[in-house]
Structure formats: structure tokens, C-alpha cells
Amino acid sequence: MFNKELVGASTVPLILTVLLSGENYGYELIKKVKLLSKGKLEWSEAMLYPVLHRLERDGLIHSKWRQLENGRKRKYYSLSDQGRAELAAKKSDWIEMIQLFSELWNLKPAV
């Protein structure tokens, strides 16, 4: 399991990245993140849905209800153009941060 602060900081870029490959419903997002993280990230619905609602309110994602064959409805989320731009910015930030840590951790100690 990851540190709580790291999970919090990575939640939005992870959601946007998963939605980059196509629309998903909430529980499907939870399953995909768990699978991709090899079980290290286990989101709950109580954690995910407030984030999805905020992303939708901020214009980064869109949602639409679909009726399933069994009559139930399911809300699907997709990435907006604004969300794609935000993902590009966040990806750049994360790449820079990873490069910084890589450089710092690969430094040889001074003698």
C-alpha cells in the first residue's frame, strides 16, 4: 500500500489517465486502478465518487447515464478536452518530479 499523501496526490492524474483510454463507470475505474497497481491501490466508492463529482464540476470529465439491459442505470465518465489538457500538464509535472528524485537518489555521497 502507498502512503496516504501520495495516493491523494496521484488520484486525479490516475483517473484522467484511465479515462484517456475510453469511458468507464465508477466501479470499473476502481477495478482498473487496482489491477494496474497490482493491488497496491485499493480505492473505495466513498473515496472515488466525490473526486469524480469534483472533476465533473471543474469541467475535466463528462458523465452520462446509460440504461443496462437489465433495466438498471449506470453512470459513465469520459475525459473532456479540458481534462486532456489538464492531464498533459499533470503528466509533465509528474515526469519532472520523477526525474528530480531519480537524479537525487542516484547521486554518489560526497567523500
N, C-alpha and C. Protein backbone atom coordinates (compact mmCIF):
# COMPACT_ATOMS: atom_id res chain seq x y z
N MET A 1 0.84 -1.18 0.00
CA MET A 1 0.00 0.00 0.00
C MET A 1 0.89 1.24 0.00
N PHE A 2 0.37 2.29 -0.62
CA PHE A 2 1.11 3.54 -0.72
C PHE A 2 0.74 4.48 0.42
N ASN A 3 1.62 5.41 0.68
CA ASN A 3 1.41 6.48 1.64
C ASN A 3 0.15 7.27 1.28
N LYS A 4 -0.61 7.68 2.29
CA LYS A 4 -1.88 8.38 2.08
C LYS A 4 -1.71 9.66 1.25
N GLU A 5 -0.65 10.42 1.52
CA GLU A 5 -0.43 11.67 0.79
C GLU A 5 -0.11 11.41 -0.68
N LEU A 6 0.65 10.36 -0.94
CA LEU A 6 0.99 10.01 -2.32
C LEU A 6 -0.25 9.56 -3.08
N VAL A 7 -1.10 8.78 -2.42
CA VAL A 7 -2.35 8.35 -3.03
C VAL A 7 -3.21 9.56 -3.36
N GLY A 8 -3.31 10.50 -2.42
CA GLY A 8 -4.11 11.70 -2.65
C GLY A 8 -3.60 12.53 -3.81
N ALA A 9 -2.29 12.67 -3.89
CA ALA A 9 -1.70 13.48 -4.96
C ALA A 9 -1.82 12.82 -6.32
N SER A 10 -1.92 11.50 -6.35
CA SER A 10 -1.95 10.80 -7.63
C SER A 10 -3.36 10.45 -8.11
N THR A 11 -4.36 10.65 -7.30
CA THR A 11 -5.72 10.23 -7.65
C THR A 11 -6.22 10.86 -8.94
N VAL A 12 -6.14 12.18 -9.05
CA VAL A 12 -6.66 12.87 -10.24
C VAL A 12 -5.91 12.44 -11.50
N PRO A 13 -4.56 12.47 -11.51
CA PRO A 13 -3.89 12.03 -12.73
C PRO A 13 -4.19 10.58 -13.08
N LEU A 14 -4.37 9.73 -12.09
CA LEU A 14 -4.70 8.33 -12.38
C LEU A 14 -6.08 8.21 -13.02
N ILE A 15 -7.06 8.91 -12.48
CA ILE A 15 -8.41 8.88 -13.06
C ILE A 15 -8.38 9.39 -14.49
N LEU A 16 -7.75 10.54 -14.70
CA LEU A 16 -7.70 11.11 -16.04
C LEU A 16 -6.98 10.19 -17.01
N THR A 17 -5.91 9.53 -16.55
CA THR A 17 -5.16 8.62 -17.40
C THR A 17 -6.00 7.41 -17.80
N VAL A 18 -6.72 6.83 -16.85
CA VAL A 18 -7.57 5.68 -17.17
C VAL A 18 -8.66 6.10 -18.14
N LEU A 19 -9.24 7.29 -17.95
CA LEU A 19 -10.29 7.76 -18.84
C LEU A 19 -9.77 8.12 -20.23
N LEU A 20 -8.47 8.32 -20.36
CA LEU A 20 -7.87 8.60 -21.66
C LEU A 20 -8.12 7.45 -22.64
N SER A 21 -8.21 6.24 -22.12
CA SER A 21 -8.41 5.07 -22.98
C SER A 21 -9.89 4.82 -23.29
N GLY A 22 -10.78 5.63 -22.72
CA GLY A 22 -12.20 5.47 -23.01
C GLY A 22 -13.04 5.62 -21.77
N GLU A 23 -14.34 5.69 -21.98
CA GLU A 23 -15.24 5.93 -20.85
C GLU A 23 -15.32 4.71 -19.94
N ASN A 24 -15.57 4.99 -18.68
CA ASN A 24 -15.67 3.96 -17.64
C ASN A 24 -16.71 4.39 -16.62
N TYR A 25 -17.28 3.42 -15.92
CA TYR A 25 -18.14 3.74 -14.79
C TYR A 25 -17.30 3.61 -13.52
N GLY A 26 -17.80 4.12 -12.42
CA GLY A 26 -17.02 4.23 -11.19
C GLY A 26 -16.39 2.93 -10.72
N TYR A 27 -17.20 1.89 -10.58
CA TYR A 27 -16.65 0.63 -10.07
C TYR A 27 -15.60 0.06 -11.02
N GLU A 28 -15.79 0.28 -12.32
CA GLU A 28 -14.82 -0.17 -13.31
C GLU A 28 -13.48 0.57 -13.12
N LEU A 29 -13.54 1.86 -12.80
CA LEU A 29 -12.32 2.63 -12.51
C LEU A 29 -11.59 2.04 -11.31
N ILE A 30 -12.35 1.71 -10.28
CA ILE A 30 -11.77 1.12 -9.07
C ILE A 30 -11.04 -0.18 -9.41
N LYS A 31 -11.69 -1.04 -10.19
CA LYS A 31 -11.09 -2.32 -10.57
C LYS A 31 -9.85 -2.13 -11.43
N LYS A 32 -9.89 -1.20 -12.39
CA LYS A 32 -8.75 -0.97 -13.27
C LYS A 32 -7.54 -0.46 -12.51
N VAL A 33 -7.76 0.47 -11.59
CA VAL A 33 -6.64 1.03 -10.82
C VAL A 33 -6.04 -0.05 -9.93
N LYS A 34 -6.88 -0.88 -9.33
CA LYS A 34 -6.36 -1.97 -8.50
C LYS A 34 -5.53 -2.93 -9.34
N LEU A 35 -6.03 -3.27 -10.52
CA LEU A 35 -5.31 -4.18 -11.41
C LEU A 35 -3.99 -3.57 -11.88
N LEU A 36 -4.04 -2.33 -12.35
CA LEU A 36 -2.83 -1.67 -12.86
C LEU A 36 -1.77 -1.48 -11.77
N SER A 37 -2.22 -1.28 -10.53
CA SER A 37 -1.28 -1.08 -9.42
C SER A 37 -0.88 -2.40 -8.75
N LYS A 38 -1.34 -3.50 -9.32
CA LYS A 38 -1.05 -4.84 -8.77
C LYS A 38 -1.52 -4.94 -7.31
N GLY A 39 -2.68 -4.31 -7.05
CA GLY A 39 -3.28 -4.39 -5.73
C GLY A 39 -2.76 -3.40 -4.70
N LYS A 40 -1.83 -2.55 -5.09
CA LYS A 40 -1.26 -1.57 -4.14
C LYS A 40 -2.19 -0.39 -3.90
N LEU A 41 -3.09 -0.13 -4.84
CA LEU A 41 -4.08 0.94 -4.68
C LEU A 41 -5.46 0.30 -4.67
N GLU A 42 -6.14 0.45 -3.56
CA GLU A 42 -7.49 -0.07 -3.44
C GLU A 42 -8.40 1.09 -3.06
N TRP A 43 -9.02 1.67 -4.07
CA TRP A 43 -9.93 2.77 -3.83
C TRP A 43 -11.29 2.24 -3.40
N SER A 44 -11.98 3.05 -2.62
CA SER A 44 -13.35 2.73 -2.24
C SER A 44 -14.29 3.65 -3.03
N GLU A 45 -15.53 3.27 -3.12
CA GLU A 45 -16.51 4.12 -3.78
C GLU A 45 -16.65 5.44 -3.02
N ALA A 46 -16.58 5.38 -1.69
CA ALA A 46 -16.70 6.59 -0.87
C ALA A 46 -15.57 7.57 -1.14
N MET A 47 -14.41 7.08 -1.55
CA MET A 47 -13.29 7.95 -1.89
C MET A 47 -13.41 8.45 -3.32
N LEU A 48 -13.81 7.56 -4.24
CA LEU A 48 -13.79 7.88 -5.66
C LEU A 48 -14.87 8.86 -6.09
N TYR A 49 -16.11 8.63 -5.68
CA TYR A 49 -17.21 9.42 -6.23
C TYR A 49 -17.13 10.91 -5.92
N PRO A 50 -16.70 11.33 -4.74
CA PRO A 50 -16.53 12.78 -4.55
C PRO A 50 -15.49 13.39 -5.50
N VAL A 51 -14.43 12.63 -5.80
CA VAL A 51 -13.41 13.11 -6.73
C VAL A 51 -14.00 13.21 -8.14
N LEU A 52 -14.75 12.19 -8.56
CA LEU A 52 -15.39 12.23 -9.87
C LEU A 52 -16.35 13.42 -9.98
N HIS A 53 -17.12 13.67 -8.94
CA HIS A 53 -18.05 14.80 -8.96
C HIS A 53 -17.31 16.13 -9.06
N ARG A 54 -16.19 16.25 -8.35
CA ARG A 54 -15.39 17.49 -8.42
C ARG A 54 -14.79 17.66 -9.81
N LEU A 55 -14.27 16.57 -10.39
CA LEU A 55 -13.70 16.65 -11.74
C LEU A 55 -14.76 17.04 -12.76
N GLU A 56 -15.95 16.53 -12.57
CA GLU A 56 -17.05 16.90 -13.48
C GLU A 56 -17.44 18.36 -13.30
N ARG A 57 -17.54 18.80 -12.07
CA ARG A 57 -17.87 20.20 -11.78
C ARG A 57 -16.81 21.14 -12.35
N ASP A 58 -15.54 20.70 -12.33
CA ASP A 58 -14.44 21.51 -12.85
C ASP A 58 -14.29 21.42 -14.37
N GLY A 59 -15.13 20.60 -15.00
CA GLY A 59 -15.11 20.50 -16.46
C GLY A 59 -14.06 19.57 -17.03
N LEU A 60 -13.41 18.77 -16.17
CA LEU A 60 -12.35 17.89 -16.65
C LEU A 60 -12.89 16.56 -17.18
N ILE A 61 -14.08 16.19 -16.73
CA ILE A 61 -14.72 14.98 -17.23
C ILE A 61 -16.20 15.26 -17.49
N HIS A 62 -16.81 14.40 -18.29
CA HIS A 62 -18.24 14.44 -18.55
C HIS A 62 -18.83 13.13 -18.06
N SER A 63 -20.13 13.14 -17.80
CA SER A 63 -20.79 11.90 -17.45
C SER A 63 -22.12 11.79 -18.18
N LYS A 64 -22.55 10.55 -18.33
CA LYS A 64 -23.88 10.31 -18.89
C LYS A 64 -24.40 8.99 -18.35
N TRP A 65 -25.71 8.99 -18.14
CA TRP A 65 -26.36 7.78 -17.65
C TRP A 65 -26.72 6.89 -18.82
N ARG A 66 -26.56 5.59 -18.62
CA ARG A 66 -26.97 4.60 -19.62
C ARG A 66 -27.81 3.54 -18.92
N GLN A 67 -28.83 3.13 -19.61
CA GLN A 67 -29.65 2.05 -19.08
C GLN A 67 -29.10 0.72 -19.58
N LEU A 68 -28.91 -0.20 -18.66
CA LEU A 68 -28.41 -1.52 -19.00
C LEU A 68 -29.55 -2.42 -19.44
N GLU A 69 -29.21 -3.55 -20.01
CA GLU A 69 -30.22 -4.49 -20.47
C GLU A 69 -31.14 -4.96 -19.36
N ASN A 70 -30.62 -5.02 -18.13
CA ASN A 70 -31.43 -5.47 -17.01
C ASN A 70 -32.30 -4.36 -16.42
N GLY A 71 -32.27 -3.18 -17.06
CA GLY A 71 -33.10 -2.05 -16.61
C GLY A 71 -32.42 -1.10 -15.65
N ARG A 72 -31.31 -1.51 -15.08
CA ARG A 72 -30.58 -0.64 -14.16
C ARG A 72 -29.87 0.45 -14.94
N LYS A 73 -29.58 1.55 -14.25
CA LYS A 73 -28.84 2.64 -14.87
C LYS A 73 -27.42 2.67 -14.31
N ARG A 74 -26.49 3.09 -15.16
CA ARG A 74 -25.09 3.20 -14.76
C ARG A 74 -24.54 4.50 -15.34
N LYS A 75 -23.79 5.22 -14.51
CA LYS A 75 -23.20 6.49 -14.94
C LYS A 75 -21.80 6.25 -15.48
N TYR A 76 -21.57 6.67 -16.72
CA TYR A 76 -20.27 6.53 -17.37
C TYR A 76 -19.57 7.88 -17.42
N TYR A 77 -18.26 7.85 -17.20
CA TYR A 77 -17.44 9.06 -17.20
C TYR A 77 -16.49 9.02 -18.38
N SER A 78 -16.27 10.21 -18.96
CA SER A 78 -15.33 10.33 -20.07
C SER A 78 -14.53 11.62 -19.90
N LEU A 79 -13.40 11.65 -20.55
CA LEU A 79 -12.49 12.79 -20.47
C LEU A 79 -12.95 13.91 -21.39
N SER A 80 -12.94 15.13 -20.89
CA SER A 80 -13.27 16.30 -21.72
C SER A 80 -11.98 16.82 -22.35
N ASP A 81 -12.12 17.76 -23.28
CA ASP A 81 -10.92 18.38 -23.87
C ASP A 81 -10.12 19.10 -22.79
N GLN A 82 -10.81 19.75 -21.88
CA GLN A 82 -10.14 20.42 -20.77
C GLN A 82 -9.41 19.39 -19.89
N GLY A 83 -10.01 18.23 -19.72
CA GLY A 83 -9.39 17.15 -18.95
C GLY A 83 -8.13 16.64 -19.62
N ARG A 84 -8.16 16.56 -20.95
CA ARG A 84 -6.95 16.13 -21.69
C ARG A 84 -5.82 17.13 -21.48
N ALA A 85 -6.14 18.41 -21.51
CA ALA A 85 -5.12 19.43 -21.29
C ALA A 85 -4.58 19.36 -19.86
N GLU A 86 -5.47 19.15 -18.91
CA GLU A 86 -5.05 19.04 -17.51
C GLU A 86 -4.17 17.80 -17.31
N LEU A 87 -4.53 16.72 -17.96
CA LEU A 87 -3.72 15.50 -17.86
C LEU A 87 -2.33 15.74 -18.43
N ALA A 88 -2.23 16.43 -19.55
CA ALA A 88 -0.92 16.73 -20.14
C ALA A 88 -0.06 17.54 -19.17
N ALA A 89 -0.67 18.52 -18.49
CA ALA A 89 0.06 19.34 -17.52
C ALA A 89 0.50 18.50 -16.32
N LYS A 90 -0.40 17.68 -15.82
CA LYS A 90 -0.07 16.84 -14.67
C LYS A 90 1.00 15.81 -15.03
N LYS A 91 0.91 15.26 -16.22
CA LYS A 91 1.91 14.29 -16.67
C LYS A 91 3.28 14.94 -16.71
N SER A 92 3.35 16.16 -17.23
CA SER A 92 4.61 16.89 -17.28
C SER A 92 5.16 17.12 -15.87
N ASP A 93 4.29 17.51 -14.95
CA ASP A 93 4.72 17.73 -13.56
C ASP A 93 5.27 16.45 -12.94
N TRP A 94 4.55 15.34 -13.13
CA TRP A 94 4.99 14.07 -12.55
C TRP A 94 6.30 13.61 -13.17
N ILE A 95 6.47 13.78 -14.45
CA ILE A 95 7.72 13.38 -15.11
C ILE A 95 8.89 14.19 -14.54
N GLU A 96 8.68 15.48 -14.38
CA GLU A 96 9.74 16.32 -13.80
C GLU A 96 10.08 15.89 -12.38
N MET A 97 9.05 15.56 -11.59
CA MET A 97 9.27 15.14 -10.21
C MET A 97 10.02 13.80 -10.16
N ILE A 98 9.63 12.88 -11.02
CA ILE A 98 10.30 11.58 -11.08
C ILE A 98 11.76 11.76 -11.48
N GLN A 99 12.01 12.63 -12.45
CA GLN A 99 13.39 12.89 -12.88
C GLN A 99 14.21 13.50 -11.74
N LEU A 100 13.59 14.40 -10.99
CA LEU A 100 14.29 15.02 -9.87
C LEU A 100 14.70 13.97 -8.84
N PHE A 101 13.75 13.14 -8.44
CA PHE A 101 14.08 12.10 -7.47
C PHE A 101 15.10 11.11 -8.01
N SER A 102 14.98 10.76 -9.27
CA SER A 102 15.95 9.85 -9.87
C SER A 102 17.35 10.43 -9.79
N GLU A 103 17.49 11.69 -10.10
CA GLU A 103 18.80 12.34 -10.03
C GLU A 103 19.31 12.40 -8.59
N LEU A 104 18.43 12.76 -7.67
CA LEU A 104 18.84 12.87 -6.27
C LEU A 104 19.24 11.52 -5.69
N TRP A 105 18.48 10.49 -5.98
CA TRP A 105 18.74 9.17 -5.40
C TRP A 105 19.91 8.47 -6.07
N ASN A 106 20.31 8.92 -7.23
CA ASN A 106 21.45 8.31 -7.90
C ASN A 106 22.76 9.04 -7.66
N LEU A 107 22.70 10.10 -6.84
CA LEU A 107 23.93 10.83 -6.52
C LEU A 107 24.82 9.98 -5.64
N LYS A 108 26.10 10.08 -5.86
CA LYS A 108 27.08 9.39 -5.02
C LYS A 108 27.36 10.27 -3.80
N PRO A 109 27.45 9.69 -2.63
CA PRO A 109 27.75 10.51 -1.44
C PRO A 109 29.12 11.17 -1.54
N ALA A 110 29.20 12.38 -1.03
CA ALA A 110 30.47 13.11 -1.03
C ALA A 110 31.43 12.43 -0.05
N VAL A 111 32.69 12.39 -0.41
CA VAL A 111 33.71 11.78 0.49
C VAL A 111 34.54 12.81 1.17
